[in-house]
Structure formats: C-alpha cells, structure tokens
Amino acid sequence: MTGRSPAPGAGAGLPVLITGCSSGIGRACALRLHRAGHAVYATARRPETLDELAALGIRTLALDVTDEESMATAVAKVEAAHGAVGALVNSAGYAMSGCIEEASMAEVREQFETNVYGLVRLSQLVLPAMRAHGGGTIVNISSIFGRYAVPGSGFYNATKHAVEAFSDSLRNEVADFGVRVVLVEPGPVRTTRFGATYVANLRPVSRTYETFRRESAEYFEAIYTGSRRTLAGTFAIQSDDVARRVAKVVAKGARGSRPRARYPVGLLAHSTIALRRLAPDALFDHLFVRRLFPVPRGPRPRKQGDHR
C-alpha cells in the first residue's frame, strides 16, 4: 500500500475513543486497551451501562451513533481535553435478523443508521484533528459477513459489506496524512446478549418462512450461547479475542508502524474467507452456505407427469 507512515509516535499518548462499550466487543476493547495503558474513552448510548468501566478508571461518555449532536459532542469533549483522538474504534452495531422479503424499510434504515452511517460520521468528525497531529488510527469492526453473505441476515451482511467498501476507500484517501484505516473481521463471537437479540428478532411475520425462522433461532442460539454443539459454534470466538487484535492494531499505530488493511479473527474467519476467495459462487453456496447455515426450503418441484 502507498502512503507515508504516521509520524513517529503520532497518536502516542492520545486517547482511544471506542463506541458500543455497553457489552461485547466494545466493552472488551475498552478493558484491554485500558490495561495496556491507553487513555480510553468508552462510550454507549446509555452511559449508566458503563458504570463498571468507570469504576476501573476508564473515562466514559454518552454517545449515540444515530444522533449527530451526540457524536459531535463526544468528539469535541475528547479533543478539548487532548487535542485529537489518537485512535477511533468503531464497534457499535447490532445484527438485524429475518428474511429480506419480510423486513420493513424502517428496520432496514435503522440497521444502516447504526452499523454504517454512525461509523461514517464519527470517522469524518475525528479526521481533521488526526491529520493536524500527523496521524492516527481508525479501526472498523466488520465481520466475516463483510466478505460473504448468508440467508436470514441479509441487511446485516449488507451493512458489513458497506463498512468494508467504505474502509477501503477511506484508507487510500487518508494514507498520505499518516492516518491508518484498519478492518477487523471476527467470525461468530460467543456473546449471550448479541445472540439473544438476534434470536428475538427472528419473530414470526408470515408462514412462508416459518420453518426457516424456527431452525435459524435454534441454530444461532446454539452458536452464540454454546447451548448445543454446532460446527460453526465449535469455532466461535470470545469478545476478548477480537479485543486482543484491536489492541495490537492500536499499539502499532501509536508506534508509527503500518498495520495491515484487514485482520480476520478466528479459524472460521480465516478458512471461510480463503474459501470464498477461491471458490466460484455456486460452489461456495453448495459447499459452505447451504451446508453450514439454515436456508429456507421451498416446495419441491413436481416431477413430470405428477398431477397431484
């Protein structure tokens, strides 16, 4: 990749701003980066969910990634205290589940507001001061579903594909200013709250996909909670596995070294991304998607001469 390296120490000593810290990956990132000695600003839509982090000495702020004023205020507070954000970790997000045909456009817009538009706007807000300070790091938490898509979470998959494309464009736009843009792509993360939300959203809408919804709810509950053994669940990772990678990326940026553009996390992420790169679409669908994930089953086609 072209572009100059950040100035030596660019971002060093400057704070890390993390979104989505009420649980899961964001919370794990806040804890790990705080323990590594970084000045961390952990944020969430409801600041009371951050009380345990605050008790450990982590700075906390209210930040709603769907609210312009909330985002601008949070960034302004950090910059007023430190001059710039040294690293931004965009972790806030959720997975909208269900079939594409049955989704309301209000739900689709909310999914993109949270997973994409908030990430975009926060990146815009921190960049001017980052450039002025000679560099910085933006870490976007994507997913293996930013590399391929599976049934039952089409709009979540679409948001992660959007995050990947946005990050690729931004990486080259800001490289010569010493700003590094990095994607972290976890496989399935074992987290009870995320799994419960995903399963709860698989609510009945019509009878067309009723069996698929039931099978998906059982399948993903098993993956996210470990309630029963599944192939994908066997390779599920923990939030701290992702946080460990994020911490290494932030440390590289602070040292002025150049991190890679993408970091898959977990064996399933590495293996399936490699398979996706090599296999034609039809083969990937047959070998992976339709074998590893529930898919809607339509009526079997009638044989010729069958008039029942």
Protein backbone atom coordinates (compact mmCIF):
# COMPACT_ATOMS: atom_id res chain seq x y z
CA MET A 1 0.00 0.00 0.00
CA THR A 2 1.25 3.51 -0.79
CA GLY A 3 1.18 6.44 1.58
CA ARG A 4 3.56 7.64 4.21
CA SER A 5 3.79 6.11 7.64
CA PRO A 6 2.43 8.14 10.53
CA ALA A 7 4.93 10.45 12.14
CA PRO A 8 6.92 8.55 14.78
CA GLY A 9 4.73 8.48 17.84
CA ALA A 10 1.74 10.02 16.04
CA GLY A 11 -1.21 9.08 18.19
CA ALA A 12 1.05 8.02 21.06
CA GLY A 13 -0.31 9.36 24.31
CA LEU A 14 -3.51 10.40 22.59
CA PRO A 15 -6.77 8.77 23.68
CA VAL A 16 -8.69 5.88 22.19
CA LEU A 17 -12.39 6.54 21.57
CA ILE A 18 -14.49 3.37 21.44
CA THR A 19 -18.17 3.03 20.57
CA GLY A 20 -20.59 0.32 21.67
CA CYS A 21 -18.97 -0.37 25.06
CA SER A 22 -22.06 -1.46 26.98
CA SER A 23 -21.26 -5.10 26.15
CA GLY A 24 -19.46 -7.47 23.84
CA ILE A 25 -16.53 -6.45 21.66
CA GLY A 26 -16.62 -2.75 22.52
CA ARG A 27 -16.52 -3.44 26.25
CA ALA A 28 -13.71 -5.98 25.84
CA CYS A 29 -11.71 -3.46 23.78
CA ALA A 30 -12.13 -0.79 26.46
CA LEU A 31 -10.89 -3.14 29.18
CA ARG A 32 -7.92 -4.48 27.24
CA LEU A 33 -6.74 -1.07 25.98
CA HIS A 34 -7.12 0.43 29.46
CA ARG A 35 -4.99 -2.37 30.93
CA ALA A 36 -2.40 -1.72 28.22
CA GLY A 37 -2.02 1.83 29.49
CA HIS A 38 -4.01 3.76 26.91
CA ALA A 39 -6.26 6.66 27.84
CA VAL A 40 -9.62 5.16 26.91
CA TYR A 41 -12.96 6.87 26.36
CA ALA A 42 -15.62 4.16 26.46
CA THR A 43 -18.98 5.22 25.06
CA ALA A 44 -22.51 3.90 24.87
CA ARG A 45 -25.97 5.22 24.16
CA ARG A 46 -26.91 4.76 27.82
CA PRO A 47 -23.96 5.87 29.99
CA GLU A 48 -25.28 4.03 33.06
CA THR A 49 -24.29 0.77 31.33
CA LEU A 50 -20.67 1.92 31.66
CA ASP A 51 -20.60 2.30 35.45
CA GLU A 52 -18.42 -0.78 35.96
CA LEU A 53 -15.88 0.54 33.45
CA ALA A 54 -15.89 3.96 35.13
CA ALA A 55 -15.19 2.29 38.48
CA LEU A 56 -11.97 0.91 36.96
CA GLY A 57 -10.82 4.39 35.98
CA ILE A 58 -11.94 4.30 32.35
CA ARG A 59 -13.37 7.58 31.10
CA THR A 60 -16.95 7.22 29.88
CA LEU A 61 -19.17 9.31 27.64
CA ALA A 62 -22.70 9.14 26.28
CA LEU A 63 -22.58 8.59 22.53
CA ASP A 64 -25.46 7.55 20.29
CA VAL A 65 -24.23 6.66 16.80
CA THR A 66 -27.64 7.51 15.35
CA ASP A 67 -27.60 11.07 16.74
CA GLU A 68 -25.47 13.80 15.13
CA GLU A 69 -25.36 16.08 18.16
CA SER A 70 -24.40 13.21 20.46
CA MET A 71 -21.50 12.18 18.21
CA ALA A 72 -20.23 15.73 17.71
CA THR A 73 -20.41 16.47 21.44
CA ALA A 74 -18.46 13.35 22.40
CA VAL A 75 -15.68 14.01 19.89
CA ALA A 76 -15.49 17.68 20.91
CA LYS A 77 -15.06 16.69 24.58
CA VAL A 78 -12.18 14.35 23.80
CA GLU A 79 -10.48 16.87 21.53
CA ALA A 80 -10.90 19.66 24.09
CA ALA A 81 -9.03 17.55 26.64
CA HIS A 82 -6.35 16.03 24.39
CA GLY A 83 -6.22 17.92 21.10
CA ALA A 84 -7.15 14.92 18.99
CA VAL A 85 -8.40 11.36 19.07
CA GLY A 86 -5.41 9.05 18.64
CA ALA A 87 -7.45 6.01 17.67
CA LEU A 88 -11.15 5.54 16.93
CA VAL A 89 -12.59 2.05 17.36
CA ASN A 90 -15.99 1.82 15.66
CA SER A 91 -17.58 -1.12 17.45
CA ALA A 92 -21.23 -0.11 17.91
CA GLY A 93 -23.69 -2.20 15.96
CA TYR A 94 -26.25 -4.98 16.02
CA ALA A 95 -27.47 -7.73 13.72
CA MET A 96 -30.91 -7.43 12.19
CA SER A 97 -32.20 -10.93 11.52
CA GLY A 98 -35.00 -12.25 9.36
CA CYS A 99 -35.73 -12.72 5.68
CA ILE A 100 -35.31 -9.86 3.22
CA GLU A 101 -38.83 -10.23 1.84
CA GLU A 102 -40.38 -9.70 5.27
CA ALA A 103 -38.30 -6.74 6.51
CA SER A 104 -39.85 -3.31 6.91
CA MET A 105 -37.96 -0.38 5.42
CA ALA A 106 -37.97 1.30 8.84
CA GLU A 107 -35.99 -1.66 10.20
CA VAL A 108 -33.60 -1.53 7.25
CA ARG A 109 -32.94 2.19 7.72
CA GLU A 110 -32.31 1.71 11.44
CA GLN A 111 -29.81 -1.08 10.70
CA PHE A 112 -27.85 1.15 8.31
CA GLU A 113 -28.05 4.18 10.63
CA THR A 114 -26.43 2.21 13.44
CA ASN A 115 -23.96 0.00 11.60
CA VAL A 116 -22.87 2.28 8.75
CA TYR A 117 -23.87 5.94 8.94
CA GLY A 118 -22.75 6.41 12.54
CA LEU A 119 -19.37 4.84 11.75
CA VAL A 120 -19.01 7.10 8.71
CA ARG A 121 -19.91 10.27 10.60
CA LEU A 122 -17.59 9.56 13.52
CA SER A 123 -14.74 8.96 11.10
CA GLN A 124 -15.45 12.32 9.49
CA LEU A 125 -15.53 14.05 12.87
CA VAL A 126 -12.17 12.76 14.14
CA LEU A 127 -10.17 13.12 10.91
CA PRO A 128 -9.39 16.89 10.89
CA ALA A 129 -7.61 16.79 14.26
CA MET A 130 -5.95 13.46 13.42
CA ARG A 131 -4.45 14.99 10.28
CA ALA A 132 -3.34 18.08 12.19
CA HIS A 133 -1.48 15.87 14.68
CA GLY A 134 0.32 13.93 11.97
CA GLY A 135 -1.66 10.71 12.01
CA GLY A 136 -3.93 8.34 13.85
CA THR A 137 -5.77 5.06 13.51
CA ILE A 138 -9.37 4.21 12.67
CA VAL A 139 -10.36 0.62 13.44
CA ASN A 140 -13.66 -0.54 12.00
CA ILE A 141 -15.15 -3.72 13.45
CA SER A 142 -16.53 -5.59 10.46
CA SER A 143 -17.32 -9.31 10.26
CA ILE A 144 -16.78 -12.38 8.14
CA PHE A 145 -20.18 -11.36 6.79
CA GLY A 146 -18.49 -8.35 5.22
CA ARG A 147 -16.78 -10.85 2.89
CA TYR A 148 -19.75 -13.07 2.09
CA ALA A 149 -23.44 -13.25 2.93
CA VAL A 150 -25.77 -15.90 4.32
CA PRO A 151 -29.57 -16.28 4.48
CA GLY A 152 -31.51 -14.74 7.34
CA SER A 153 -29.30 -11.71 7.94
CA GLY A 154 -29.15 -10.07 4.54
CA PHE A 155 -29.32 -6.48 5.74
CA TYR A 156 -26.74 -7.03 8.49
CA ASN A 157 -24.50 -8.61 5.85
CA ALA A 158 -25.12 -5.59 3.60
CA THR A 159 -24.03 -3.16 6.32
CA LYS A 160 -20.79 -5.05 6.86
CA HIS A 161 -20.11 -5.09 3.11
CA ALA A 162 -20.67 -1.32 3.17
CA VAL A 163 -18.20 -0.93 6.06
CA GLU A 164 -15.61 -2.89 4.06
CA ALA A 165 -16.03 -0.73 0.95
CA PHE A 166 -16.03 2.49 2.97
CA SER A 167 -12.85 1.44 4.77
CA ASP A 168 -11.08 0.55 1.52
CA SER A 169 -11.87 3.96 0.04
CA LEU A 170 -11.02 5.91 3.18
CA ARG A 171 -7.75 4.01 3.69
CA ASN A 172 -6.36 5.35 0.43
CA GLU A 173 -7.82 8.83 0.86
CA VAL A 174 -6.07 9.46 4.19
CA ALA A 175 -2.91 7.32 3.87
CA ASP A 176 -0.71 10.27 2.89
CA PHE A 177 -1.84 12.13 6.01
CA GLY A 178 -0.49 9.35 8.22
CA VAL A 179 -3.93 8.02 9.15
CA ARG A 180 -4.36 4.26 9.07
CA VAL A 181 -7.75 2.64 8.45
CA VAL A 182 -7.98 -0.99 9.53
CA LEU A 183 -10.73 -3.61 9.31
CA VAL A 184 -11.09 -6.29 11.98
CA GLU A 185 -13.22 -9.20 10.75
CA PRO A 186 -14.36 -11.58 13.51
CA GLY A 187 -16.02 -14.90 12.98
CA PRO A 188 -19.01 -15.78 15.22
CA VAL A 189 -18.48 -14.27 18.67
CA ARG A 190 -19.90 -16.11 21.66
CA THR A 191 -21.92 -13.43 23.43
CA THR A 192 -25.22 -14.08 25.16
CA ARG A 193 -26.62 -10.58 24.64
CA PHE A 194 -25.89 -10.43 20.91
CA GLY A 195 -27.29 -13.91 20.42
CA ALA A 196 -30.42 -13.17 22.42
CA THR A 197 -31.08 -10.03 20.36
CA TYR A 198 -30.52 -11.85 17.09
CA VAL A 199 -32.80 -14.73 18.02
CA ALA A 200 -35.51 -12.43 19.41
CA ASN A 201 -35.62 -10.56 16.11
CA LEU A 202 -36.47 -13.78 14.27
CA ARG A 203 -40.11 -13.15 15.05
CA PRO A 204 -42.97 -14.62 13.03
CA VAL A 205 -44.14 -12.47 10.13
CA SER A 206 -45.65 -14.90 7.65
CA ARG A 207 -45.97 -18.66 7.32
CA THR A 208 -43.74 -18.72 4.22
CA TYR A 209 -40.53 -18.68 6.25
CA GLU A 210 -41.91 -20.12 9.49
CA THR A 211 -39.79 -23.29 9.49
CA PHE A 212 -36.68 -21.36 8.48
CA ARG A 213 -37.16 -18.87 11.32
CA ARG A 214 -37.51 -21.67 13.87
CA GLU A 215 -34.44 -23.51 12.59
CA SER A 216 -32.43 -20.27 12.49
CA ALA A 217 -33.40 -19.33 16.03
CA GLU A 218 -32.26 -22.72 17.36
CA TYR A 219 -29.08 -22.67 15.28
CA PHE A 220 -27.87 -19.18 16.18
CA GLU A 221 -28.82 -19.54 19.83
CA ALA A 222 -26.56 -22.59 19.91
CA ILE A 223 -23.70 -20.67 18.26
CA TYR A 224 -23.88 -17.58 20.44
CA THR A 225 -24.60 -19.26 23.76
CA GLY A 226 -22.98 -22.68 23.31
CA SER A 227 -26.23 -24.36 24.39
CA ARG A 228 -25.57 -27.24 22.00
CA ARG A 229 -22.81 -28.30 19.65
CA THR A 230 -22.78 -26.99 16.07
CA LEU A 231 -19.97 -26.87 13.53
CA ALA A 232 -19.91 -23.06 13.41
CA GLY A 233 -20.29 -22.88 17.17
CA THR A 234 -17.23 -25.07 17.60
CA PHE A 235 -15.16 -22.26 16.07
CA ALA A 236 -16.94 -19.38 17.85
CA ILE A 237 -14.55 -16.92 19.46
CA GLN A 238 -14.74 -14.70 22.54
CA SER A 239 -15.06 -10.92 22.57
CA ASP A 240 -11.59 -10.67 24.08
CA ASP A 241 -10.09 -12.48 21.07
CA VAL A 242 -11.25 -9.53 18.97
CA ALA A 243 -10.13 -7.01 21.58
CA ARG A 244 -6.65 -8.54 21.61
CA ARG A 245 -6.32 -7.92 17.87
CA VAL A 246 -7.69 -4.37 18.17
CA ALA A 247 -5.18 -3.61 20.94
CA LYS A 248 -2.31 -4.77 18.73
CA VAL A 249 -3.53 -2.58 15.86
CA VAL A 250 -3.81 0.47 18.12
CA ALA A 251 -0.33 -0.19 19.52
CA LYS A 252 1.11 -0.42 16.01
CA GLY A 253 -0.47 2.89 15.08
CA ALA A 254 0.88 4.56 18.21
CA ARG A 255 4.40 3.31 17.37
CA GLY A 256 4.14 4.73 13.86
CA SER A 257 4.29 1.31 12.18
CA ARG A 258 1.92 0.21 9.47
CA PRO A 259 -0.81 -2.33 10.28
CA ARG A 260 -2.39 -4.49 7.60
CA ALA A 261 -5.63 -3.38 5.97
CA ARG A 262 -7.57 -6.42 7.27
CA TYR A 263 -7.34 -8.78 10.21
CA PRO A 264 -9.70 -11.80 10.20
CA VAL A 265 -10.11 -13.16 13.73
CA GLY A 266 -10.67 -16.86 14.41
CA LEU A 267 -10.14 -20.07 12.47
CA LEU A 268 -13.59 -19.94 10.85
CA ALA A 269 -12.92 -16.40 9.59
CA HIS A 270 -9.55 -17.31 8.07
CA SER A 271 -10.74 -20.55 6.45
CA THR A 272 -14.04 -19.34 5.03
CA ILE A 273 -12.62 -16.08 3.69
CA ALA A 274 -9.96 -18.12 1.89
CA LEU A 275 -12.64 -20.47 0.54
CA ARG A 276 -14.73 -17.52 -0.64
CA ARG A 277 -11.76 -16.07 -2.48
CA LEU A 278 -11.05 -19.33 -4.32
CA ALA A 279 -14.46 -20.90 -4.91
CA PRO A 280 -16.95 -19.83 -7.60
CA ASP A 281 -20.28 -18.58 -6.24
CA ALA A 282 -22.22 -21.77 -6.94
CA LEU A 283 -19.57 -23.95 -5.32
CA PHE A 284 -19.30 -21.68 -2.27
CA ASP A 285 -23.08 -21.73 -1.85
CA HIS A 286 -23.18 -25.52 -2.12
CA LEU A 287 -20.13 -26.38 -0.01
CA PHE A 288 -20.49 -23.76 2.67
CA VAL A 289 -23.64 -21.64 2.86
CA ARG A 290 -26.23 -24.37 2.33
CA ARG A 291 -24.35 -26.91 4.45
CA LEU A 292 -23.37 -24.74 7.40
CA PHE A 293 -26.38 -22.40 7.73
CA PRO A 294 -30.15 -22.90 7.73
CA VAL A 295 -31.76 -21.94 4.42
CA PRO A 296 -35.44 -21.53 3.50
CA ARG A 297 -36.80 -24.64 1.81
CA GLY A 298 -39.42 -24.07 -0.85
CA PRO A 299 -41.85 -26.68 -2.17
CA ARG A 300 -40.15 -29.47 -4.07
CA PRO A 301 -40.67 -29.20 -7.85
CA ARG A 302 -43.14 -31.71 -9.19
CA LYS A 303 -41.88 -34.47 -11.40
CA GLN A 304 -43.10 -34.56 -14.97
CA GLY A 305 -46.44 -36.31 -15.11
CA ASP A 306 -47.17 -35.73 -11.41
CA HIS A 307 -50.59 -34.01 -11.27
CA ARG A 308 -51.29 -34.47 -7.55
